[in-house]
Amino acid sequence: DQMLEQFEHVEQFYFAGGEPIIMEEHYRILKELDRRKMYHVRLIY
């Protein structure tokens, strides 16, 4: 909920863990970025 309030500002996500590829939260973010067509946001893993 706190992240959603800041989504319009985001330039970069860094995914680590744990192991991000097996985390549901990671895919929640990617789907939200996809929904908003925010493909300019840099993804680092």
ModelCIF file with pLDDT and N, C-alpha, C, O atoms, coordinates in Angstrom:
data_MODEL
#
_entry.id   MODEL 
#
_entity.id                         1 
_entity.type                       polymer 
_entity.pdbx_number_of_molecules   1 
#
_entity_poly.entity_id                      1 
_entity_poly.type                           'polypeptide(L)' 
_entity_poly.nstd_linkage                   no 
_entity_poly.nstd_monomer                   no 
_entity_poly.pdbx_seq_one_letter_code       DQMLEQFEHVEQFYFAGGEPIIMEEHYRILKELDRRKMYHVRLIY 
_entity_poly.pdbx_seq_one_letter_code_can   DQMLEQFEHVEQFYFAGGEPIIMEEHYRILKELDRRKMYHVRLIY 
_entity_poly.pdbx_strand_id                 A 
#
loop_
_entity_poly_seq.entity_id 
_entity_poly_seq.num 
_entity_poly_seq.mon_id 
_entity_poly_seq.hetero 
1 1  ASP n 
1 2  GLN n 
1 3  MET n 
1 4  LEU n 
1 5  GLU n 
1 6  GLN n 
1 7  PHE n 
1 8  GLU n 
1 9  HIS n 
1 10 VAL n 
1 11 GLU n 
1 12 GLN n 
1 13 PHE n 
1 14 TYR n 
1 15 PHE n 
1 16 ALA n 
1 17 GLY n 
1 18 GLY n 
1 19 GLU n 
1 20 PRO n 
1 21 ILE n 
1 22 ILE n 
1 23 MET n 
1 24 GLU n 
1 25 GLU n 
1 26 HIS n 
1 27 TYR n 
1 28 ARG n 
1 29 ILE n 
1 30 LEU n 
1 31 LYS n 
1 32 GLU n 
1 33 LEU n 
1 34 ASP n 
1 35 ARG n 
1 36 ARG n 
1 37 LYS n 
1 38 MET n 
1 39 TYR n 
1 40 HIS n 
1 41 VAL n 
1 42 ARG n 
1 43 LEU n 
1 44 ILE n 
1 45 TYR n 
#
_struct_asym.id          A 
_struct_asym.entity_id   1 
#
loop_
_ma_qa_metric.id 
_ma_qa_metric.mode 
_ma_qa_metric.name 
_ma_qa_metric.software_group_id 
_ma_qa_metric.type 
1 global pLDDT . pLDDT 
2 local  pLDDT . pLDDT 
#
_ma_qa_metric_global.metric_id      1 
_ma_qa_metric_global.metric_value   94.69 
_ma_qa_metric_global.model_id       1 
_ma_qa_metric_global.ordinal_id     1 
#
loop_
_ma_qa_metric_local.label_asym_id 
_ma_qa_metric_local.label_comp_id 
_ma_qa_metric_local.label_seq_id 
_ma_qa_metric_local.metric_id 
_ma_qa_metric_local.metric_value 
_ma_qa_metric_local.model_id 
_ma_qa_metric_local.ordinal_id 
A ASP 1  2 94.00 1 1  
A GLN 2  2 94.00 1 2  
A MET 3  2 93.00 1 3  
A LEU 4  2 94.00 1 4  
A GLU 5  2 93.00 1 5  
A GLN 6  2 93.00 1 6  
A PHE 7  2 94.00 1 7  
A GLU 8  2 93.00 1 8  
A HIS 9  2 95.00 1 9  
A VAL 10 2 96.00 1 10 
A GLU 11 2 96.00 1 11 
A GLN 12 2 95.00 1 12 
A PHE 13 2 95.00 1 13 
A TYR 14 2 95.00 1 14 
A PHE 15 2 95.00 1 15 
A ALA 16 2 93.00 1 16 
A GLY 17 2 84.00 1 17 
A GLY 18 2 91.00 1 18 
A GLU 19 2 96.00 1 19 
A PRO 20 2 96.00 1 20 
A ILE 21 2 96.00 1 21 
A ILE 22 2 96.00 1 22 
A MET 23 2 95.00 1 23 
A GLU 24 2 93.00 1 24 
A GLU 25 2 93.00 1 25 
A HIS 26 2 95.00 1 26 
A TYR 27 2 95.00 1 27 
A ARG 28 2 94.00 1 28 
A ILE 29 2 95.00 1 29 
A LEU 30 2 96.00 1 30 
A LYS 31 2 95.00 1 31 
A GLU 32 2 96.00 1 32 
A LEU 33 2 96.00 1 33 
A ASP 34 2 95.00 1 34 
A ARG 35 2 96.00 1 35 
A ARG 36 2 96.00 1 36 
A LYS 37 2 97.00 1 37 
A MET 38 2 97.00 1 38 
A TYR 39 2 96.00 1 39 
A HIS 40 2 95.00 1 40 
A VAL 41 2 96.00 1 41 
A ARG 42 2 96.00 1 42 
A LEU 43 2 96.00 1 43 
A ILE 44 2 95.00 1 44 
A TYR 45 2 96.00 1 45 
#
loop_
_atom_site.group_PDB 
_atom_site.id 
_atom_site.type_symbol 
_atom_site.label_atom_id 
_atom_site.label_alt_id 
_atom_site.label_comp_id 
_atom_site.label_asym_id 
_atom_site.label_entity_id 
_atom_site.label_seq_id 
_atom_site.pdbx_PDB_ins_code 
_atom_site.Cartn_x 
_atom_site.Cartn_y 
_atom_site.Cartn_z 
_atom_site.occupancy 
_atom_site.B_iso_or_equiv 
_atom_site.pdbx_formal_charge 
_atom_site.auth_seq_id 
_atom_site.auth_comp_id 
_atom_site.auth_asym_id 
_atom_site.auth_atom_id 
_atom_site.pdbx_PDB_model_num 
ATOM 1   N N  . ASP A 1 1  ? 0.826  -1.207  0.000   1.00 94.00 ? 1  ASP A N  1 
ATOM 2   C CA . ASP A 1 1  ? 0.000  0.000   0.000   1.00 94.00 ? 1  ASP A CA 1 
ATOM 3   C C  . ASP A 1 1  ? 0.863  1.262   0.000   1.00 94.00 ? 1  ASP A C  1 
ATOM 4   O O  . ASP A 1 1  ? 0.539  2.240   -0.673  1.00 94.00 ? 1  ASP A O  1 
ATOM 5   N N  . GLN A 1 2  ? 1.949  1.236   0.747   1.00 94.00 ? 2  GLN A N  1 
ATOM 6   C CA . GLN A 1 2  ? 2.847  2.391   0.796   1.00 94.00 ? 2  GLN A CA 1 
ATOM 7   C C  . GLN A 1 2  ? 3.590  2.571   -0.535  1.00 94.00 ? 2  GLN A C  1 
ATOM 8   O O  . GLN A 1 2  ? 3.828  3.697   -0.973  1.00 94.00 ? 2  GLN A O  1 
ATOM 9   N N  . MET A 1 3  ? 3.942  1.482   -1.153  1.00 93.00 ? 3  MET A N  1 
ATOM 10  C CA . MET A 1 3  ? 4.620  1.550   -2.440  1.00 93.00 ? 3  MET A CA 1 
ATOM 11  C C  . MET A 1 3  ? 3.715  2.121   -3.523  1.00 93.00 ? 3  MET A C  1 
ATOM 12  O O  . MET A 1 3  ? 4.162  2.908   -4.357  1.00 93.00 ? 3  MET A O  1 
ATOM 13  N N  . LEU A 1 4  ? 2.446  1.729   -3.513  1.00 94.00 ? 4  LEU A N  1 
ATOM 14  C CA . LEU A 1 4  ? 1.510  2.209   -4.525  1.00 94.00 ? 4  LEU A CA 1 
ATOM 15  C C  . LEU A 1 4  ? 1.406  3.730   -4.513  1.00 94.00 ? 4  LEU A C  1 
ATOM 16  O O  . LEU A 1 4  ? 1.244  4.351   -5.563  1.00 94.00 ? 4  LEU A O  1 
ATOM 17  N N  . GLU A 1 5  ? 1.497  4.326   -3.338  1.00 93.00 ? 5  GLU A N  1 
ATOM 18  C CA . GLU A 1 5  ? 1.428  5.778   -3.219  1.00 93.00 ? 5  GLU A CA 1 
ATOM 19  C C  . GLU A 1 5  ? 2.616  6.466   -3.881  1.00 93.00 ? 5  GLU A C  1 
ATOM 20  O O  . GLU A 1 5  ? 2.542  7.643   -4.233  1.00 93.00 ? 5  GLU A O  1 
ATOM 21  N N  . GLN A 1 6  ? 3.704  5.734   -4.047  1.00 93.00 ? 6  GLN A N  1 
ATOM 22  C CA . GLN A 1 6  ? 4.926  6.299   -4.604  1.00 93.00 ? 6  GLN A CA 1 
ATOM 23  C C  . GLN A 1 6  ? 5.233  5.813   -6.024  1.00 93.00 ? 6  GLN A C  1 
ATOM 24  O O  . GLN A 1 6  ? 6.254  6.188   -6.600  1.00 93.00 ? 6  GLN A O  1 
ATOM 25  N N  . PHE A 1 7  ? 4.373  4.999   -6.575  1.00 94.00 ? 7  PHE A N  1 
ATOM 26  C CA . PHE A 1 7  ? 4.655  4.353   -7.852  1.00 94.00 ? 7  PHE A CA 1 
ATOM 27  C C  . PHE A 1 7  ? 4.970  5.341   -8.972  1.00 94.00 ? 7  PHE A C  1 
ATOM 28  O O  . PHE A 1 7  ? 5.829  5.075   -9.814  1.00 94.00 ? 7  PHE A O  1 
ATOM 29  N N  . GLU A 1 8  ? 4.286  6.466   -8.984  1.00 93.00 ? 8  GLU A N  1 
ATOM 30  C CA . GLU A 1 8  ? 4.475  7.439   -10.067 1.00 93.00 ? 8  GLU A CA 1 
ATOM 31  C C  . GLU A 1 8  ? 5.883  8.017   -10.088 1.00 93.00 ? 8  GLU A C  1 
ATOM 32  O O  . GLU A 1 8  ? 6.332  8.524   -11.116 1.00 93.00 ? 8  GLU A O  1 
ATOM 33  N N  . HIS A 1 9  ? 6.588  7.944   -8.948  1.00 95.00 ? 9  HIS A N  1 
ATOM 34  C CA . HIS A 1 9  ? 7.919  8.538   -8.841  1.00 95.00 ? 9  HIS A CA 1 
ATOM 35  C C  . HIS A 1 9  ? 9.050  7.559   -9.166  1.00 95.00 ? 9  HIS A C  1 
ATOM 36  O O  . HIS A 1 9  ? 10.182 7.985   -9.395  1.00 95.00 ? 9  HIS A O  1 
ATOM 37  N N  . VAL A 1 10 ? 8.766  6.276   -9.189  1.00 96.00 ? 10 VAL A N  1 
ATOM 38  C CA . VAL A 1 10 ? 9.825  5.278   -9.206  1.00 96.00 ? 10 VAL A CA 1 
ATOM 39  C C  . VAL A 1 10 ? 10.634 5.318   -10.504 1.00 96.00 ? 10 VAL A C  1 
ATOM 40  O O  . VAL A 1 10 ? 10.080 5.440   -11.597 1.00 96.00 ? 10 VAL A O  1 
ATOM 41  N N  . GLU A 1 11 ? 11.953 5.213   -10.358 1.00 96.00 ? 11 GLU A N  1 
ATOM 42  C CA . GLU A 1 11 ? 12.870 5.121   -11.483 1.00 96.00 ? 11 GLU A CA 1 
ATOM 43  C C  . GLU A 1 11 ? 13.535 3.749   -11.544 1.00 96.00 ? 11 GLU A C  1 
ATOM 44  O O  . GLU A 1 11 ? 13.947 3.287   -12.608 1.00 96.00 ? 11 GLU A O  1 
ATOM 45  N N  . GLN A 1 12 ? 13.630 3.109   -10.381 1.00 95.00 ? 12 GLN A N  1 
ATOM 46  C CA . GLN A 1 12 ? 14.384 1.864   -10.351 1.00 95.00 ? 12 GLN A CA 1 
ATOM 47  C C  . GLN A 1 12 ? 13.909 0.961   -9.216  1.00 95.00 ? 12 GLN A C  1 
ATOM 48  O O  . GLN A 1 12 ? 13.651 1.423   -8.105  1.00 95.00 ? 12 GLN A O  1 
ATOM 49  N N  . PHE A 1 13 ? 13.798 -0.322  -9.513  1.00 95.00 ? 13 PHE A N  1 
ATOM 50  C CA . PHE A 1 13 ? 13.564 -1.351  -8.508  1.00 95.00 ? 13 PHE A CA 1 
ATOM 51  C C  . PHE A 1 13 ? 14.790 -2.260  -8.438  1.00 95.00 ? 13 PHE A C  1 
ATOM 52  O O  . PHE A 1 13 ? 15.353 -2.652  -9.459  1.00 95.00 ? 13 PHE A O  1 
ATOM 53  N N  . TYR A 1 14 ? 15.178 -2.575  -7.237  1.00 95.00 ? 14 TYR A N  1 
ATOM 54  C CA . TYR A 1 14 ? 16.232 -3.545  -7.014  1.00 95.00 ? 14 TYR A CA 1 
ATOM 55  C C  . TYR A 1 14 ? 15.617 -4.739  -6.296  1.00 95.00 ? 14 TYR A C  1 
ATOM 56  O O  . TYR A 1 14 ? 15.070 -4.595  -5.203  1.00 95.00 ? 14 TYR A O  1 
ATOM 57  N N  . PHE A 1 15 ? 15.704 -5.909  -6.904  1.00 95.00 ? 15 PHE A N  1 
ATOM 58  C CA . PHE A 1 15 ? 15.110 -7.115  -6.346  1.00 95.00 ? 15 PHE A CA 1 
ATOM 59  C C  . PHE A 1 15 ? 16.208 -8.044  -5.834  1.00 95.00 ? 15 PHE A C  1 
ATOM 60  O O  . PHE A 1 15 ? 17.099 -8.460  -6.574  1.00 95.00 ? 15 PHE A O  1 
ATOM 61  N N  . ALA A 1 16 ? 16.112 -8.350  -4.555  1.00 93.00 ? 16 ALA A N  1 
ATOM 62  C CA . ALA A 1 16 ? 17.042 -9.288  -3.943  1.00 93.00 ? 16 ALA A CA 1 
ATOM 63  C C  . ALA A 1 16 ? 16.275 -10.016 -2.851  1.00 93.00 ? 16 ALA A C  1 
ATOM 64  O O  . ALA A 1 16 ? 15.048 -9.933  -2.794  1.00 93.00 ? 16 ALA A O  1 
ATOM 65  N N  . GLY A 1 17 ? 16.951 -10.693 -2.027  1.00 84.00 ? 17 GLY A N  1 
ATOM 66  C CA . GLY A 1 17 ? 16.212 -11.467 -1.039  1.00 84.00 ? 17 GLY A CA 1 
ATOM 67  C C  . GLY A 1 17 ? 16.945 -11.818 0.189   1.00 84.00 ? 17 GLY A C  1 
ATOM 68  O O  . GLY A 1 17 ? 17.666 -11.023 0.790   1.00 84.00 ? 17 GLY A O  1 
ATOM 69  N N  . GLY A 1 18 ? 16.725 -13.101 0.556   1.00 91.00 ? 18 GLY A N  1 
ATOM 70  C CA . GLY A 1 18 ? 16.016 -14.140 -0.170  1.00 91.00 ? 18 GLY A CA 1 
ATOM 71  C C  . GLY A 1 18 ? 16.346 -14.294 -1.658  1.00 91.00 ? 18 GLY A C  1 
ATOM 72  O O  . GLY A 1 18 ? 17.366 -13.822 -2.159  1.00 91.00 ? 18 GLY A O  1 
ATOM 73  N N  . GLU A 1 19 ? 15.427 -14.977 -2.325  1.00 96.00 ? 19 GLU A N  1 
ATOM 74  C CA . GLU A 1 19 ? 15.543 -15.162 -3.765  1.00 96.00 ? 19 GLU A CA 1 
ATOM 75  C C  . GLU A 1 19 ? 14.315 -14.561 -4.422  1.00 96.00 ? 19 GLU A C  1 
ATOM 76  O O  . GLU A 1 19 ? 13.227 -15.124 -4.308  1.00 96.00 ? 19 GLU A O  1 
ATOM 77  N N  . PRO A 1 20 ? 14.458 -13.411 -5.122  1.00 96.00 ? 20 PRO A N  1 
ATOM 78  C CA . PRO A 1 20 ? 13.298 -12.687 -5.645  1.00 96.00 ? 20 PRO A CA 1 
ATOM 79  C C  . PRO A 1 20 ? 12.493 -13.450 -6.687  1.00 96.00 ? 20 PRO A C  1 
ATOM 80  O O  . PRO A 1 20 ? 11.285 -13.242 -6.802  1.00 96.00 ? 20 PRO A O  1 
ATOM 81  N N  . ILE A 1 21 ? 13.137 -14.329 -7.448  1.00 96.00 ? 21 ILE A N  1 
ATOM 82  C CA . ILE A 1 21 ? 12.435 -15.016 -8.534  1.00 96.00 ? 21 ILE A CA 1 
ATOM 83  C C  . ILE A 1 21 ? 11.366 -15.969 -8.012  1.00 96.00 ? 21 ILE A C  1 
ATOM 84  O O  . ILE A 1 21 ? 10.482 -16.368 -8.772  1.00 96.00 ? 21 ILE A O  1 
ATOM 85  N N  . ILE A 1 22 ? 11.423 -16.343 -6.737  1.00 96.00 ? 22 ILE A N  1 
ATOM 86  C CA . ILE A 1 22 ? 10.400 -17.229 -6.173  1.00 96.00 ? 22 ILE A CA 1 
ATOM 87  C C  . ILE A 1 22 ? 9.473  -16.492 -5.212  1.00 96.00 ? 22 ILE A C  1 
ATOM 88  O O  . ILE A 1 22 ? 8.730  -17.122 -4.460  1.00 96.00 ? 22 ILE A O  1 
ATOM 89  N N  . MET A 1 23 ? 9.515  -15.155 -5.235  1.00 95.00 ? 23 MET A N  1 
ATOM 90  C CA . MET A 1 23 ? 8.672  -14.357 -4.350  1.00 95.00 ? 23 MET A CA 1 
ATOM 91  C C  . MET A 1 23 ? 7.460  -13.802 -5.083  1.00 95.00 ? 23 MET A C  1 
ATOM 92  O O  . MET A 1 23 ? 7.604  -13.207 -6.150  1.00 95.00 ? 23 MET A O  1 
ATOM 93  N N  . GLU A 1 24 ? 6.274  -13.988 -4.527  1.00 93.00 ? 24 GLU A N  1 
ATOM 94  C CA . GLU A 1 24 ? 5.045  -13.479 -5.123  1.00 93.00 ? 24 GLU A CA 1 
ATOM 95  C C  . GLU A 1 24 ? 5.062  -11.963 -5.234  1.00 93.00 ? 24 GLU A C  1 
ATOM 96  O O  . GLU A 1 24 ? 4.554  -11.410 -6.209  1.00 93.00 ? 24 GLU A O  1 
ATOM 97  N N  . GLU A 1 25 ? 5.646  -11.274 -4.235  1.00 93.00 ? 25 GLU A N  1 
ATOM 98  C CA . GLU A 1 25 ? 5.669  -9.809  -4.222  1.00 93.00 ? 25 GLU A CA 1 
ATOM 99  C C  . GLU A 1 25 ? 6.397  -9.248  -5.445  1.00 93.00 ? 25 GLU A C  1 
ATOM 100 O O  . GLU A 1 25 ? 6.004  -8.219  -5.994  1.00 93.00 ? 25 GLU A O  1 
ATOM 101 N N  . HIS A 1 26 ? 7.428  -9.915  -5.852  1.00 95.00 ? 26 HIS A N  1 
ATOM 102 C CA . HIS A 1 26 ? 8.186  -9.483  -7.027  1.00 95.00 ? 26 HIS A CA 1 
ATOM 103 C C  . HIS A 1 26 ? 7.296  -9.422  -8.265  1.00 95.00 ? 26 HIS A C  1 
ATOM 104 O O  . HIS A 1 26 ? 7.345  -8.454  -9.024  1.00 95.00 ? 26 HIS A O  1 
ATOM 105 N N  . TYR A 1 27 ? 6.488  -10.452 -8.463  1.00 95.00 ? 27 TYR A N  1 
ATOM 106 C CA . TYR A 1 27 ? 5.614  -10.494 -9.639  1.00 95.00 ? 27 TYR A CA 1 
ATOM 107 C C  . TYR A 1 27 ? 4.460  -9.511  -9.523  1.00 95.00 ? 27 TYR A C  1 
ATOM 108 O O  . TYR A 1 27 ? 3.941  -9.039  -10.535 1.00 95.00 ? 27 TYR A O  1 
ATOM 109 N N  . ARG A 1 28 ? 4.056  -9.200  -8.303  1.00 94.00 ? 28 ARG A N  1 
ATOM 110 C CA . ARG A 1 28 ? 3.026  -8.190  -8.093  1.00 94.00 ? 28 ARG A CA 1 
ATOM 111 C C  . ARG A 1 28 ? 3.492  -6.836  -8.614  1.00 94.00 ? 28 ARG A C  1 
ATOM 112 O O  . ARG A 1 28 ? 2.722  -6.095  -9.225  1.00 94.00 ? 28 ARG A O  1 
ATOM 113 N N  . ILE A 1 29 ? 4.760  -6.523  -8.366  1.00 95.00 ? 29 ILE A N  1 
ATOM 114 C CA . ILE A 1 29 ? 5.339  -5.266  -8.843  1.00 95.00 ? 29 ILE A CA 1 
ATOM 115 C C  . ILE A 1 29 ? 5.449  -5.265  -10.363 1.00 95.00 ? 29 ILE A C  1 
ATOM 116 O O  . ILE A 1 29 ? 5.063  -4.290  -11.009 1.00 95.00 ? 29 ILE A O  1 
ATOM 117 N N  . LEU A 1 30 ? 5.966  -6.336  -10.938 1.00 96.00 ? 30 LEU A N  1 
ATOM 118 C CA . LEU A 1 30 ? 6.116  -6.395  -12.390 1.00 96.00 ? 30 LEU A CA 1 
ATOM 119 C C  . LEU A 1 30 ? 4.768  -6.272  -13.091 1.00 96.00 ? 30 LEU A C  1 
ATOM 120 O O  . LEU A 1 30 ? 4.665  -5.605  -14.121 1.00 96.00 ? 30 LEU A O  1 
ATOM 121 N N  . LYS A 1 31 ? 3.745  -6.904  -12.551 1.00 95.00 ? 31 LYS A N  1 
ATOM 122 C CA . LYS A 1 31 ? 2.417  -6.824  -13.150 1.00 95.00 ? 31 LYS A CA 1 
ATOM 123 C C  . LYS A 1 31 ? 1.846  -5.413  -13.063 1.00 95.00 ? 31 LYS A C  1 
ATOM 124 O O  . LYS A 1 31 ? 1.182  -4.954  -13.992 1.00 95.00 ? 31 LYS A O  1 
ATOM 125 N N  . GLU A 1 32 ? 2.102  -4.718  -11.944 1.00 96.00 ? 32 GLU A N  1 
ATOM 126 C CA . GLU A 1 32 ? 1.631  -3.342  -11.799 1.00 96.00 ? 32 GLU A CA 1 
ATOM 127 C C  . GLU A 1 32 ? 2.351  -2.418  -12.775 1.00 96.00 ? 32 GLU A C  1 
ATOM 128 O O  . GLU A 1 32 ? 1.729  -1.545  -13.382 1.00 96.00 ? 32 GLU A O  1 
ATOM 129 N N  . LEU A 1 33 ? 3.652  -2.608  -12.924 1.00 96.00 ? 33 LEU A N  1 
ATOM 130 C CA . LEU A 1 33 ? 4.405  -1.824  -13.901 1.00 96.00 ? 33 LEU A CA 1 
ATOM 131 C C  . LEU A 1 33 ? 3.894  -2.100  -15.318 1.00 96.00 ? 33 LEU A C  1 
ATOM 132 O O  . LEU A 1 33 ? 3.781  -1.186  -16.135 1.00 96.00 ? 33 LEU A O  1 
ATOM 133 N N  . ASP A 1 34 ? 3.594  -3.346  -15.591 1.00 95.00 ? 34 ASP A N  1 
ATOM 134 C CA . ASP A 1 34 ? 3.064  -3.734  -16.904 1.00 95.00 ? 34 ASP A CA 1 
ATOM 135 C C  . ASP A 1 34 ? 1.697  -3.100  -17.128 1.00 95.00 ? 34 ASP A C  1 
ATOM 136 O O  . ASP A 1 34 ? 1.415  -2.601  -18.217 1.00 95.00 ? 34 ASP A O  1 
ATOM 137 N N  . ARG A 1 35 ? 0.856  -3.116  -16.116 1.00 96.00 ? 35 ARG A N  1 
ATOM 138 C CA . ARG A 1 35 ? -0.488 -2.537  -16.225 1.00 96.00 ? 35 ARG A CA 1 
ATOM 139 C C  . ARG A 1 35 ? -0.425 -1.050  -16.536 1.00 96.00 ? 35 ARG A C  1 
ATOM 140 O O  . ARG A 1 35 ? -1.210 -0.533  -17.331 1.00 96.00 ? 35 ARG A O  1 
ATOM 141 N N  . ARG A 1 36 ? 0.527  -0.369  -15.895 1.00 96.00 ? 36 ARG A N  1 
ATOM 142 C CA . ARG A 1 36 ? 0.696  1.075   -16.105 1.00 96.00 ? 36 ARG A CA 1 
ATOM 143 C C  . ARG A 1 36 ? 1.573  1.397   -17.317 1.00 96.00 ? 36 ARG A C  1 
ATOM 144 O O  . ARG A 1 36 ? 1.757  2.561   -17.672 1.00 96.00 ? 36 ARG A O  1 
ATOM 145 N N  . LYS A 1 37 ? 2.109  0.348   -17.945 1.00 97.00 ? 37 LYS A N  1 
ATOM 146 C CA . LYS A 1 37 ? 3.015  0.505   -19.094 1.00 97.00 ? 37 LYS A CA 1 
ATOM 147 C C  . LYS A 1 37 ? 4.235  1.362   -18.737 1.00 97.00 ? 37 LYS A C  1 
ATOM 148 O O  . LYS A 1 37 ? 4.698  2.179   -19.533 1.00 97.00 ? 37 LYS A O  1 
ATOM 149 N N  . MET A 1 38 ? 4.736  1.152   -17.527 1.00 97.00 ? 38 MET A N  1 
ATOM 150 C CA . MET A 1 38 ? 5.917  1.871   -17.054 1.00 97.00 ? 38 MET A CA 1 
ATOM 151 C C  . MET A 1 38 ? 7.175  1.067   -17.387 1.00 97.00 ? 38 MET A C  1 
ATOM 152 O O  . MET A 1 38 ? 7.918  0.648   -16.500 1.00 97.00 ? 38 MET A O  1 
ATOM 153 N N  . TYR A 1 39 ? 7.387  0.865   -18.667 1.00 96.00 ? 39 TYR A N  1 
ATOM 154 C CA . TYR A 1 39 ? 8.497  0.030   -19.119 1.00 96.00 ? 39 TYR A CA 1 
ATOM 155 C C  . TYR A 1 39 ? 9.840  0.749   -19.060 1.00 96.00 ? 39 TYR A C  1 
ATOM 156 O O  . TYR A 1 39 ? 10.891 0.143   -19.265 1.00 96.00 ? 39 TYR A O  1 
ATOM 157 N N  . HIS A 1 40 ? 9.790  2.052   -18.776 1.00 95.00 ? 40 HIS A N  1 
ATOM 158 C CA . HIS A 1 40 ? 11.025 2.819   -18.636 1.00 95.00 ? 40 HIS A CA 1 
ATOM 159 C C  . HIS A 1 40 ? 11.711 2.572   -17.298 1.00 95.00 ? 40 HIS A C  1 
ATOM 160 O O  . HIS A 1 40 ? 12.900 2.856   -17.154 1.00 95.00 ? 40 HIS A O  1 
ATOM 161 N N  . VAL A 1 41 ? 10.981 2.050   -16.322 1.00 96.00 ? 41 VAL A N  1 
ATOM 162 C CA . VAL A 1 41 ? 11.551 1.799   -15.003 1.00 96.00 ? 41 VAL A CA 1 
ATOM 163 C C  . VAL A 1 41 ? 12.636 0.729   -15.108 1.00 96.00 ? 41 VAL A C  1 
ATOM 164 O O  . VAL A 1 41 ? 12.435 -0.324  -15.713 1.00 96.00 ? 41 VAL A O  1 
ATOM 165 N N  . ARG A 1 42 ? 13.773 1.017   -14.515 1.00 96.00 ? 42 ARG A N  1 
ATOM 166 C CA . ARG A 1 42 ? 14.885 0.089   -14.571 1.00 96.00 ? 42 ARG A CA 1 
ATOM 167 C C  . ARG A 1 42 ? 14.725 -1.016  -13.524 1.00 96.00 ? 42 ARG A C  1 
ATOM 168 O O  . ARG A 1 42 ? 14.416 -0.747  -12.363 1.00 96.00 ? 42 ARG A O  1 
ATOM 169 N N  . LEU A 1 43 ? 14.938 -2.245  -13.949 1.00 96.00 ? 43 LEU A N  1 
ATOM 170 C CA . LEU A 1 43 ? 14.848 -3.399  -13.063 1.00 96.00 ? 43 LEU A CA 1 
ATOM 171 C C  . LEU A 1 43 ? 16.243 -3.985  -12.860 1.00 96.00 ? 43 LEU A C  1 
ATOM 172 O O  . LEU A 1 43 ? 16.925 -4.322  -13.828 1.00 96.00 ? 43 LEU A O  1 
ATOM 173 N N  . ILE A 1 44 ? 16.659 -4.103  -11.620 1.00 95.00 ? 44 ILE A N  1 
ATOM 174 C CA . ILE A 1 44 ? 17.967 -4.670  -11.295 1.00 95.00 ? 44 ILE A CA 1 
ATOM 175 C C  . ILE A 1 44 ? 17.762 -5.830  -10.330 1.00 95.00 ? 44 ILE A C  1 
ATOM 176 O O  . ILE A 1 44 ? 16.968 -5.744  -9.393  1.00 95.00 ? 44 ILE A O  1 
ATOM 177 N N  . TYR A 1 45 ? 18.482 -6.904  -10.572 1.00 96.00 ? 45 TYR A N  1 
ATOM 178 C CA . TYR A 1 45 ? 18.301 -8.114  -9.775  1.00 96.00 ? 45 TYR A CA 1 
ATOM 179 C C  . TYR A 1 45 ? 19.606 -8.609  -9.178  1.00 96.00 ? 45 TYR A C  1 
ATOM 180 O O  . TYR A 1 45 ? 19.619 -9.622  -8.478  1.00 96.00 ? 45 TYR A O  1 
#
